[in-house]
Structure formats: C-alpha cells, structure tokens
Amino acid sequence: MVFVHHLLQSFILPPFNGVLLIIIGFMLLNYKLRRAKVFIIIGCMFIYLQSIPFTVYTLASLIEKPTISKDELSQIQAFVVLGGGVRTNAYEYEEKFAANSHTLVRLQYVAYLAKQFPKIPIILSGGIATPNSIHSEANVMKYTLQNQFNVTNTIITEDASRNTEENAKYTNEILKKLHITKIALISQAFHINRASAIFKKYGLVVYNAPTDYMVHYNRLITVASFIPDAQTMGDCAILLHELIGYAISI
C-alpha cells in the first residue's frame, strides 16, 4: 500500500510529472505532430517552473502561516509535536538511531517553548518510522528532548500513528483523557495547514506553531530566483504534496 501511494505521488509531483508529459509527446511524434509538440513544450515548462526558487517562494507564501503569538501561547493546554521521521542508520551514535532533520527542527522549537512554559505537557506523536525499525518516532523524540535538550516538562508519547490522519486520531484520544482541548501544534511551516485542518476535525482548538520556514519574507526577487536547481525542485515537490493533501483533507 505504501508502495502504491509513493508510485501515485511520483506521477503528480516533480520531476516525473513533467517527464511524463515529454514521454507522451515523443510517443505521439509519428502520429499527431502538433499535439506531440504541445505535450513536450508543456512538460519542459513544468520541469523549469518547478525547479526555480521563484515558484517555491510563491507557493510557500500561500501555504505558510505566521508564527504563534504570545496571546495564543497563553491559552494552550499542551504542545503537540508531530514526528517527521527517524534516522535508523545513525551509526555515529551508540543507539544507532536519531531524529532526522525535519523532526529535529520541530524538537528544537518545542524545547525553546517548553523552557518558557515548563508546566505545559508535551505530546509526541509518531509510530514506527520504517518497517525495519524497532524505534517509534515518538520514543526517539522523547529520548532527544530529555537527553539532548534537557526538557523537564511532562512528556506523553503516542507511538501507534503512521500518518498525519492517525497522528490526529490517536493524539485526540490522549487529549480527551487529559481533558485538554486547546493545543499548540508544532510542525514544519509547509505542513502545518494540512495537519491543523485534520486535527480540527476532532473538535480541538488548534493554534498553529510552525517552524522551519521555506519562505523568506524579506527576500528580493533577482535573476537567481529564476535559475533552476535540484534542491528547489525537491522543495517544490514538498509544497505541491501539501497543497494536494490539504485539498483532500478539507
């Protein structure tokens, strides 16, 4: 099922969405020349537009929301951090596992907030990261917060979820038992809209606490904004994935 999911994603996300159009165009060259040229041109445009920083800035500005305010922080009853993945090949550590870069940024932010609000509990949500892993995202995150960030807040783990929908479902079950309805939801800024929409379906009052922004509000548009690069195409794929996921979630 996971393989099918990733396969379908590859058809609609860069770079294969553009490559697929070009392939179709070449297949039509001997039959319908005009239509073939249209497919090839559009495919090339897709690849170019999805690989330039200007596109990422534009998409990110539509998706990413402002940071959580002090007034919102004063109303929350819990921090909820979503798992973003675990490195199970962290051979440089004795444990052979570590939070990946996405997860680590989220933990860094909740640790920063936790030092300001030491009495507010932290709920960490994320199940087994990979089929070969014995460590859930939630347990790795807890280990990281306690041993690397020295967080002293009460930490509760939810280690059964496999995606954002299940993050919300299983975390809500914990929150109900604790009589908590107002949360600060912590994830990457590009992911927070979709995650928040899913959590709100369970009747929770969700205050977005995004981190790790792609958009730069003071960035100037220059010639470099229109020069393609590989990293930008990866960022564009992430943003398009979130836009499609958000449209499905609401």
Protein backbone atom coordinates (compact mmCIF):
# COMPACT_ATOMS: atom_id res chain seq x y z
CA MET A 1 0.00 0.00 0.00
CA VAL A 2 2.85 2.36 0.84
CA PHE A 3 4.49 1.50 -2.50
CA VAL A 4 1.28 2.31 -4.39
CA HIS A 5 0.98 5.60 -2.51
CA HIS A 6 4.52 6.64 -3.44
CA LEU A 7 4.01 5.48 -7.02
CA LEU A 8 0.91 7.65 -7.42
CA GLN A 9 2.77 10.59 -5.89
CA SER A 10 5.56 10.24 -8.44
CA PHE A 11 3.09 10.74 -11.29
CA ILE A 12 1.80 14.07 -9.99
CA LEU A 13 4.92 15.53 -8.38
CA PRO A 14 8.16 16.79 -9.93
CA PRO A 15 10.19 15.82 -11.74
CA PHE A 16 8.20 12.90 -13.16
CA ASN A 17 5.02 14.92 -13.86
CA GLY A 18 6.96 16.94 -16.42
CA VAL A 19 8.98 14.00 -17.70
CA LEU A 20 5.78 12.01 -18.23
CA LEU A 21 4.34 14.73 -20.46
CA ILE A 22 7.54 14.79 -22.51
CA ILE A 23 7.47 10.99 -22.89
CA ILE A 24 3.86 11.16 -24.08
CA GLY A 25 4.87 13.87 -26.54
CA PHE A 26 7.63 11.75 -28.04
CA MET A 27 5.25 8.79 -28.31
CA LEU A 28 2.90 10.97 -30.37
CA LEU A 29 5.55 12.38 -32.72
CA ASN A 30 4.82 9.90 -35.51
CA TYR A 31 1.04 10.23 -35.21
CA LYS A 32 -0.04 13.70 -34.12
CA LEU A 33 2.87 16.10 -34.52
CA ARG A 34 1.12 19.24 -33.29
CA ARG A 35 -0.24 17.57 -30.17
CA ALA A 36 3.14 15.95 -29.54
CA LYS A 37 4.84 19.36 -29.59
CA VAL A 38 2.29 20.70 -27.09
CA PHE A 39 2.99 17.85 -24.65
CA ILE A 40 6.76 18.31 -24.98
CA ILE A 41 6.61 22.08 -24.51
CA ILE A 42 4.29 21.85 -21.50
CA GLY A 43 6.45 19.11 -19.99
CA CYS A 44 9.57 21.26 -20.33
CA MET A 45 7.73 24.23 -18.81
CA PHE A 46 6.61 22.07 -15.88
CA ILE A 47 10.17 20.97 -15.16
CA TYR A 48 11.53 24.52 -15.43
CA LEU A 49 8.86 26.20 -13.30
CA GLN A 50 9.11 23.53 -10.61
CA SER A 51 12.89 23.95 -10.35
CA ILE A 52 13.20 27.72 -9.85
CA PRO A 53 13.24 29.47 -6.44
CA PHE A 54 10.57 31.97 -7.53
CA THR A 55 7.99 29.17 -7.70
CA VAL A 56 8.92 27.91 -4.24
CA TYR A 57 8.72 31.44 -2.75
CA THR A 58 5.29 31.92 -4.32
CA LEU A 59 3.87 28.56 -3.20
CA ALA A 60 5.38 28.88 0.29
CA SER A 61 3.87 32.33 0.77
CA LEU A 62 0.44 30.82 0.05
CA ILE A 63 0.87 27.87 2.42
CA GLU A 64 2.98 29.02 5.34
CA LYS A 65 1.41 30.91 8.22
CA PRO A 66 2.81 33.40 10.77
CA THR A 67 4.37 32.08 13.95
CA ILE A 68 2.28 31.54 17.08
CA SER A 69 1.62 34.70 19.11
CA LYS A 70 2.22 35.26 22.82
CA ASP A 71 -1.54 35.62 23.34
CA GLU A 72 -2.16 32.23 21.72
CA LEU A 73 0.59 30.61 23.77
CA SER A 74 -1.06 31.87 26.94
CA GLN A 75 -4.23 29.91 26.11
CA ILE A 76 -2.84 26.48 25.23
CA GLN A 77 -3.03 23.41 27.45
CA ALA A 78 -0.49 21.22 25.64
CA PHE A 79 2.18 21.20 22.99
CA VAL A 80 1.68 18.55 20.29
CA VAL A 81 4.69 17.67 18.15
CA LEU A 82 4.30 15.52 15.04
CA GLY A 83 7.05 13.10 14.07
CA GLY A 84 8.85 13.90 10.84
CA GLY A 85 10.98 10.78 10.55
CA VAL A 86 13.83 8.91 12.22
CA ARG A 87 17.31 8.02 11.00
CA THR A 88 17.81 4.32 11.63
CA ASN A 89 21.31 4.34 10.14
CA ALA A 90 22.79 6.78 12.65
CA TYR A 91 25.92 4.67 13.08
CA GLU A 92 27.76 7.56 14.69
CA TYR A 93 25.60 7.13 17.80
CA GLU A 94 25.71 4.21 20.22
CA GLU A 95 21.94 3.78 19.90
CA LYS A 96 22.17 3.63 16.05
CA PHE A 97 19.11 5.86 15.74
CA ALA A 98 18.38 9.59 15.80
CA ALA A 99 15.71 12.09 14.84
CA ASN A 100 16.04 13.16 11.21
CA SER A 101 16.42 16.80 10.20
CA HIS A 102 12.68 17.52 9.92
CA THR A 103 11.94 16.03 13.33
CA LEU A 104 14.96 17.67 14.95
CA VAL A 105 13.85 21.16 13.91
CA ARG A 106 10.42 20.52 15.45
CA LEU A 107 12.01 19.30 18.67
CA GLN A 108 14.32 22.29 18.81
CA TYR A 109 11.30 24.59 18.62
CA VAL A 110 9.22 22.79 21.24
CA ALA A 111 12.26 22.74 23.55
CA TYR A 112 12.51 26.50 23.13
CA LEU A 113 8.81 26.90 24.00
CA ALA A 114 8.98 24.36 26.83
CA LYS A 115 11.63 26.39 28.63
CA GLN A 116 9.16 29.29 28.67
CA PHE A 117 6.21 27.11 29.75
CA PRO A 118 7.68 24.31 31.90
CA LYS A 119 4.30 23.22 33.30
CA ILE A 120 2.64 22.57 29.95
CA PRO A 121 2.77 18.89 28.89
CA ILE A 122 4.27 17.82 25.57
CA ILE A 123 2.60 15.12 23.48
CA LEU A 124 4.84 13.47 20.90
CA SER A 125 3.06 11.69 18.06
CA GLY A 126 4.59 9.17 15.67
CA GLY A 127 4.73 5.41 15.27
CA ILE A 128 7.31 3.06 13.78
CA ALA A 129 9.18 5.07 11.18
CA THR A 130 10.25 2.25 8.85
CA PRO A 131 9.40 -1.47 8.54
CA ASN A 132 12.88 -2.41 9.77
CA SER A 133 12.85 -0.04 12.72
CA ILE A 134 12.24 -1.02 16.34
CA HIS A 135 12.08 2.58 17.49
CA SER A 136 8.94 4.68 17.15
CA GLU A 137 9.23 8.33 16.21
CA ALA A 138 7.58 9.31 19.49
CA ASN A 139 10.10 7.41 21.62
CA VAL A 140 13.05 8.77 19.65
CA MET A 141 11.66 12.29 20.08
CA LYS A 142 11.23 11.78 23.81
CA TYR A 143 14.78 10.49 24.14
CA THR A 144 16.07 13.51 22.19
CA LEU A 145 14.13 16.07 24.22
CA GLN A 146 15.22 14.62 27.55
CA ASN A 147 18.83 13.76 26.74
CA GLN A 148 19.86 16.42 24.23
CA PHE A 149 17.60 19.37 25.04
CA ASN A 150 17.18 18.67 28.77
CA VAL A 151 13.43 19.32 28.67
CA THR A 152 11.76 18.75 32.05
CA ASN A 153 8.11 19.13 31.00
CA THR A 154 5.81 16.14 31.31
CA ILE A 155 6.16 14.15 28.08
CA ILE A 156 3.49 11.77 26.76
CA THR A 157 4.09 9.58 23.71
CA GLU A 158 1.66 8.38 21.08
CA ASP A 159 3.50 5.68 19.12
CA ALA A 160 0.83 3.97 17.01
CA SER A 161 0.26 6.51 14.22
CA ARG A 162 1.66 6.11 10.71
CA ASN A 163 0.49 9.35 9.07
CA THR A 164 -0.96 12.77 9.89
CA GLU A 165 -4.55 11.49 9.97
CA GLU A 166 -3.61 8.89 12.57
CA ASN A 167 -1.49 11.46 14.44
CA ALA A 168 -4.67 13.45 14.97
CA LYS A 169 -6.89 10.46 15.75
CA TYR A 170 -4.66 8.83 18.36
CA THR A 171 -3.46 12.08 19.90
CA ASN A 172 -7.05 13.18 20.33
CA GLU A 173 -7.74 10.03 22.35
CA ILE A 174 -4.94 11.01 24.74
CA LEU A 175 -6.11 14.61 24.92
CA LYS A 176 -9.66 13.52 25.80
CA LYS A 177 -8.41 11.55 28.78
CA LEU A 178 -6.49 14.61 29.95
CA HIS A 179 -9.47 16.93 29.33
CA ILE A 180 -7.34 19.04 27.00
CA THR A 181 -8.98 20.88 24.11
CA LYS A 182 -6.53 23.70 23.27
CA ILE A 183 -3.18 22.77 21.76
CA ALA A 184 -0.20 24.32 20.03
CA LEU A 185 0.53 22.12 17.02
CA ILE A 186 4.19 22.03 16.03
CA SER A 187 5.42 21.01 12.60
CA GLN A 188 7.16 22.47 9.56
CA ALA A 189 5.51 25.64 8.26
CA PHE A 190 4.75 23.93 4.94
CA HIS A 191 2.94 21.08 6.76
CA ILE A 192 1.06 22.97 9.46
CA ASN A 193 -2.00 23.95 7.40
CA ARG A 194 -2.85 20.39 6.43
CA ALA A 195 -2.06 19.00 9.88
CA SER A 196 -4.11 21.68 11.61
CA ALA A 197 -7.12 21.05 9.36
CA ILE A 198 -7.04 17.35 10.24
CA PHE A 199 -6.71 17.97 13.99
CA LYS A 200 -9.59 20.45 13.95
CA LYS A 201 -11.88 17.74 12.56
CA TYR A 202 -11.68 16.14 16.01
CA GLY A 203 -13.11 19.24 17.71
CA LEU A 204 -9.80 20.57 19.02
CA VAL A 205 -8.88 24.24 19.27
CA VAL A 206 -5.61 24.29 17.35
CA TYR A 207 -3.09 27.10 17.43
CA ASN A 208 -0.53 26.72 14.66
CA ALA A 209 3.08 26.77 15.86
CA PRO A 210 5.03 26.45 12.59
CA THR A 211 8.80 26.25 12.30
CA ASP A 212 11.43 25.78 9.58
CA TYR A 213 10.02 28.24 7.04
CA MET A 214 10.74 27.93 3.32
CA VAL A 215 9.50 31.43 2.55
CA HIS A 216 11.75 34.42 3.20
CA TYR A 217 9.55 37.48 3.72
CA ASN A 218 12.41 39.91 3.14
CA ARG A 219 13.93 38.10 0.15
CA LEU A 220 14.31 40.16 -3.02
CA ILE A 221 13.39 38.72 -6.41
CA THR A 222 16.55 38.63 -8.52
CA VAL A 223 17.87 36.86 -11.60
CA ALA A 224 18.92 34.00 -9.32
CA SER A 225 15.24 33.45 -8.47
CA PHE A 226 14.73 32.10 -11.98
CA ILE A 227 17.77 29.83 -12.23
CA PRO A 228 16.88 26.13 -11.76
CA ASP A 229 18.50 23.93 -9.12
CA ALA A 230 17.88 20.44 -7.76
CA GLN A 231 17.17 21.45 -4.16
CA THR A 232 14.43 23.82 -5.30
CA MET A 233 12.68 21.05 -7.22
CA GLY A 234 12.65 18.94 -4.05
CA ASP A 235 11.15 21.83 -2.09
CA CYS A 236 8.56 22.36 -4.80
CA ALA A 237 7.55 18.69 -4.63
CA ILE A 238 7.04 19.04 -0.86
CA LEU A 239 4.86 22.13 -1.28
CA LEU A 240 2.75 20.60 -4.05
CA HIS A 241 2.29 17.47 -1.95
CA GLU A 242 0.99 19.61 0.92
CA LEU A 243 -1.35 21.61 -1.32
CA ILE A 244 -2.88 18.42 -2.74
CA GLY A 245 -3.08 16.86 0.73
CA TYR A 246 -4.75 19.96 2.14
CA ALA A 247 -7.33 19.99 -0.65
CA ILE A 248 -8.16 16.36 0.14
CA SER A 249 -8.25 16.94 3.92
CA ILE A 250 -10.74 19.81 3.98
